[in-house]
Amino acid sequence: MTIVLAEIGVQALYLLFAWLASSIACGWLASQAGYQEKSGLATGMLLFVFGIIVWIVIYLAFPKEGSKRAASSGGST
């Protein structure tokens, strides 16, 4: 049985792209919800794909006052 190292490298590259995309998405969601982009990036790096789910919930349910999300939804109470 021969393991081709090039196939392992391609899978690792795809996982790296997914990890970076997750961090970018979490950072963007955090900044739109009024939180620091750093906290979104950290969540995206540590939780991989699950971080996006966390920030979607925060973005939809708990935007900070004065954020772009709160302004577009008419403000939260």
N, C-alpha and C. Protein backbone atom coordinates (compact mmCIF):
# COMPACT_ATOMS: atom_id res chain seq x y z
N MET A 1 0.85 -1.18 0.00
CA MET A 1 0.00 0.00 0.00
C MET A 1 0.89 1.24 0.00
N THR A 2 0.70 2.07 -0.97
CA THR A 2 1.51 3.26 -1.12
C THR A 2 0.70 4.49 -0.76
N ILE A 3 1.27 5.35 0.06
CA ILE A 3 0.62 6.61 0.41
C ILE A 3 1.27 7.70 -0.44
N VAL A 4 0.44 8.38 -1.19
CA VAL A 4 0.95 9.46 -2.02
C VAL A 4 0.92 10.74 -1.20
N LEU A 5 2.08 11.31 -0.96
CA LEU A 5 2.17 12.50 -0.12
C LEU A 5 1.54 13.72 -0.76
N ALA A 6 1.44 13.73 -2.07
CA ALA A 6 0.83 14.88 -2.75
C ALA A 6 -0.66 14.96 -2.42
N GLU A 7 -1.31 13.83 -2.26
CA GLU A 7 -2.73 13.86 -1.91
C GLU A 7 -2.95 14.39 -0.50
N ILE A 8 -2.07 14.05 0.42
CA ILE A 8 -2.17 14.57 1.77
C ILE A 8 -1.94 16.09 1.76
N GLY A 9 -1.02 16.55 0.93
CA GLY A 9 -0.75 17.98 0.84
C GLY A 9 -1.93 18.77 0.30
N VAL A 10 -2.65 18.21 -0.66
CA VAL A 10 -3.81 18.89 -1.23
C VAL A 10 -4.92 18.98 -0.19
N GLN A 11 -5.14 17.91 0.54
CA GLN A 11 -6.17 17.95 1.59
C GLN A 11 -5.80 18.95 2.68
N ALA A 12 -4.55 19.01 3.03
CA ALA A 12 -4.11 19.98 4.04
C ALA A 12 -4.30 21.41 3.53
N LEU A 13 -4.05 21.64 2.26
CA LEU A 13 -4.24 22.97 1.69
C LEU A 13 -5.71 23.37 1.72
N TYR A 14 -6.60 22.44 1.38
CA TYR A 14 -8.03 22.74 1.43
C TYR A 14 -8.50 23.01 2.85
N LEU A 15 -7.98 22.27 3.82
CA LEU A 15 -8.33 22.53 5.21
C LEU A 15 -7.80 23.88 5.68
N LEU A 16 -6.62 24.26 5.21
CA LEU A 16 -6.06 25.57 5.54
C LEU A 16 -6.93 26.68 4.98
N PHE A 17 -7.40 26.54 3.74
CA PHE A 17 -8.28 27.53 3.14
C PHE A 17 -9.59 27.64 3.91
N ALA A 18 -10.15 26.50 4.32
CA ALA A 18 -11.40 26.51 5.08
C ALA A 18 -11.19 27.18 6.44
N TRP A 19 -10.06 26.92 7.08
CA TRP A 19 -9.74 27.51 8.37
C TRP A 19 -9.62 29.03 8.24
N LEU A 20 -8.93 29.49 7.19
CA LEU A 20 -8.79 30.93 6.99
C LEU A 20 -10.12 31.59 6.64
N ALA A 21 -10.93 30.93 5.82
CA ALA A 21 -12.24 31.47 5.47
C ALA A 21 -13.13 31.57 6.70
N SER A 22 -13.04 30.59 7.60
CA SER A 22 -13.80 30.63 8.84
C SER A 22 -13.38 31.82 9.70
N SER A 23 -12.09 32.07 9.78
CA SER A 23 -11.59 33.20 10.57
C SER A 23 -12.04 34.53 9.97
N ILE A 24 -11.99 34.63 8.66
CA ILE A 24 -12.41 35.86 7.99
C ILE A 24 -13.90 36.11 8.21
N ALA A 25 -14.70 35.07 8.06
CA ALA A 25 -16.15 35.21 8.24
C ALA A 25 -16.48 35.59 9.68
N CYS A 26 -15.83 34.98 10.65
CA CYS A 26 -16.08 35.31 12.06
C CYS A 26 -15.67 36.74 12.38
N GLY A 27 -14.54 37.18 11.83
CA GLY A 27 -14.10 38.55 12.03
C GLY A 27 -15.06 39.55 11.44
N TRP A 28 -15.58 39.26 10.27
CA TRP A 28 -16.54 40.15 9.62
C TRP A 28 -17.85 40.21 10.40
N LEU A 29 -18.35 39.04 10.82
CA LEU A 29 -19.59 39.01 11.59
C LEU A 29 -19.44 39.76 12.92
N ALA A 30 -18.28 39.61 13.55
CA ALA A 30 -18.06 40.30 14.82
C ALA A 30 -18.05 41.81 14.62
N SER A 31 -17.38 42.29 13.59
CA SER A 31 -17.32 43.73 13.36
C SER A 31 -18.69 44.29 12.97
N GLN A 32 -19.48 43.53 12.24
CA GLN A 32 -20.82 44.00 11.86
C GLN A 32 -21.76 44.03 13.06
N ALA A 33 -21.54 43.14 14.03
CA ALA A 33 -22.39 43.10 15.22
C ALA A 33 -21.95 44.10 16.28
N GLY A 34 -20.83 44.81 16.04
CA GLY A 34 -20.39 45.83 16.97
C GLY A 34 -19.33 45.37 17.94
N TYR A 35 -18.82 44.17 17.78
CA TYR A 35 -17.76 43.66 18.65
C TYR A 35 -16.42 43.85 17.96
N GLN A 36 -15.33 43.63 18.70
CA GLN A 36 -14.01 43.78 18.11
C GLN A 36 -13.75 42.67 17.10
N GLU A 37 -13.09 43.03 16.01
CA GLU A 37 -12.77 42.04 15.00
C GLU A 37 -11.81 40.98 15.54
N LYS A 38 -10.97 41.38 16.51
CA LYS A 38 -10.03 40.43 17.10
C LYS A 38 -10.75 39.26 17.76
N SER A 39 -11.85 39.54 18.44
CA SER A 39 -12.58 38.45 19.09
C SER A 39 -13.18 37.50 18.06
N GLY A 40 -13.63 38.03 16.95
CA GLY A 40 -14.14 37.17 15.89
C GLY A 40 -13.05 36.33 15.26
N LEU A 41 -11.90 36.94 15.02
CA LEU A 41 -10.79 36.18 14.44
C LEU A 41 -10.33 35.07 15.38
N ALA A 42 -10.25 35.37 16.67
CA ALA A 42 -9.83 34.35 17.64
C ALA A 42 -10.84 33.21 17.69
N THR A 43 -12.12 33.54 17.68
CA THR A 43 -13.13 32.50 17.69
C THR A 43 -13.05 31.65 16.44
N GLY A 44 -12.85 32.28 15.29
CA GLY A 44 -12.75 31.54 14.05
C GLY A 44 -11.54 30.63 14.00
N MET A 45 -10.44 31.07 14.58
CA MET A 45 -9.23 30.24 14.58
C MET A 45 -9.33 29.07 15.54
N LEU A 46 -9.95 29.30 16.68
CA LEU A 46 -10.02 28.25 17.70
C LEU A 46 -11.15 27.25 17.44
N LEU A 47 -12.26 27.71 16.94
CA LEU A 47 -13.42 26.83 16.79
C LEU A 47 -13.69 26.38 15.36
N PHE A 48 -12.84 26.80 14.42
CA PHE A 48 -12.94 26.41 13.02
C PHE A 48 -14.34 26.72 12.49
N VAL A 49 -15.10 25.77 12.03
CA VAL A 49 -16.39 26.03 11.41
C VAL A 49 -17.46 26.36 12.45
N PHE A 50 -17.33 25.83 13.67
CA PHE A 50 -18.32 26.10 14.70
C PHE A 50 -18.31 27.56 15.13
N GLY A 51 -17.21 28.26 14.93
CA GLY A 51 -17.14 29.67 15.26
C GLY A 51 -18.09 30.51 14.43
N ILE A 52 -18.30 30.10 13.19
CA ILE A 52 -19.24 30.82 12.32
C ILE A 52 -20.65 30.72 12.89
N ILE A 53 -21.01 29.55 13.37
CA ILE A 53 -22.34 29.35 13.95
C ILE A 53 -22.51 30.23 15.18
N VAL A 54 -21.48 30.29 16.02
CA VAL A 54 -21.52 31.12 17.22
C VAL A 54 -21.75 32.58 16.84
N TRP A 55 -21.00 33.08 15.87
CA TRP A 55 -21.12 34.49 15.51
C TRP A 55 -22.39 34.80 14.73
N ILE A 56 -22.96 33.84 14.04
CA ILE A 56 -24.25 34.07 13.40
C ILE A 56 -25.32 34.27 14.46
N VAL A 57 -25.28 33.45 15.52
CA VAL A 57 -26.23 33.61 16.61
C VAL A 57 -26.05 34.96 17.30
N ILE A 58 -24.80 35.33 17.57
CA ILE A 58 -24.54 36.63 18.20
C ILE A 58 -24.96 37.77 17.28
N TYR A 59 -24.67 37.64 16.00
CA TYR A 59 -25.02 38.68 15.02
C TYR A 59 -26.54 38.88 14.95
N LEU A 60 -27.29 37.80 14.97
CA LEU A 60 -28.74 37.91 14.84
C LEU A 60 -29.43 38.27 16.14
N ALA A 61 -28.93 37.76 17.27
CA ALA A 61 -29.66 37.93 18.52
C ALA A 61 -29.11 39.02 19.44
N PHE A 62 -27.80 39.26 19.41
CA PHE A 62 -27.19 40.16 20.39
C PHE A 62 -26.30 41.24 19.78
N PRO A 63 -26.79 42.03 18.82
CA PRO A 63 -25.92 43.10 18.30
C PRO A 63 -25.78 44.22 19.33
N LYS A 64 -24.63 44.86 19.36
CA LYS A 64 -24.41 45.98 20.29
C LYS A 64 -25.11 47.22 19.77
N GLU A 65 -25.44 48.10 20.70
CA GLU A 65 -26.07 49.37 20.32
C GLU A 65 -25.11 50.18 19.45
N GLY A 66 -25.63 50.77 18.41
CA GLY A 66 -24.81 51.60 17.53
C GLY A 66 -24.06 50.82 16.47
N SER A 67 -24.21 49.50 16.41
CA SER A 67 -23.53 48.72 15.39
C SER A 67 -24.31 48.78 14.08
N LYS A 68 -23.69 48.33 13.02
CA LYS A 68 -24.36 48.32 11.71
C LYS A 68 -25.57 47.41 11.73
N ARG A 69 -25.49 46.31 12.42
CA ARG A 69 -26.61 45.36 12.51
C ARG A 69 -27.76 45.96 13.30
N ALA A 70 -27.48 46.62 14.41
CA ALA A 70 -28.54 47.23 15.22
C ALA A 70 -29.21 48.37 14.45
N ALA A 71 -28.42 49.11 13.67
CA ALA A 71 -28.97 50.21 12.90
C ALA A 71 -29.87 49.70 11.77
N SER A 72 -29.49 48.57 11.15
CA SER A 72 -30.28 48.07 10.05
C SER A 72 -31.56 47.38 10.51
N SER A 73 -31.58 46.87 11.75
CA SER A 73 -32.78 46.21 12.25
C SER A 73 -33.71 47.19 12.97
N GLY A 74 -33.37 48.45 12.99
CA GLY A 74 -34.21 49.44 13.63
C GLY A 74 -33.91 49.63 15.10
N GLY A 75 -32.79 49.06 15.56
CA GLY A 75 -32.40 49.21 16.96
C GLY A 75 -33.01 48.12 17.81
N SER A 76 -32.28 47.70 18.80
CA SER A 76 -32.81 46.68 19.71
C SER A 76 -33.21 47.34 21.02
N THR A 77 -34.06 46.65 21.77
CA THR A 77 -34.53 47.23 23.03
C THR A 77 -33.76 46.71 24.20
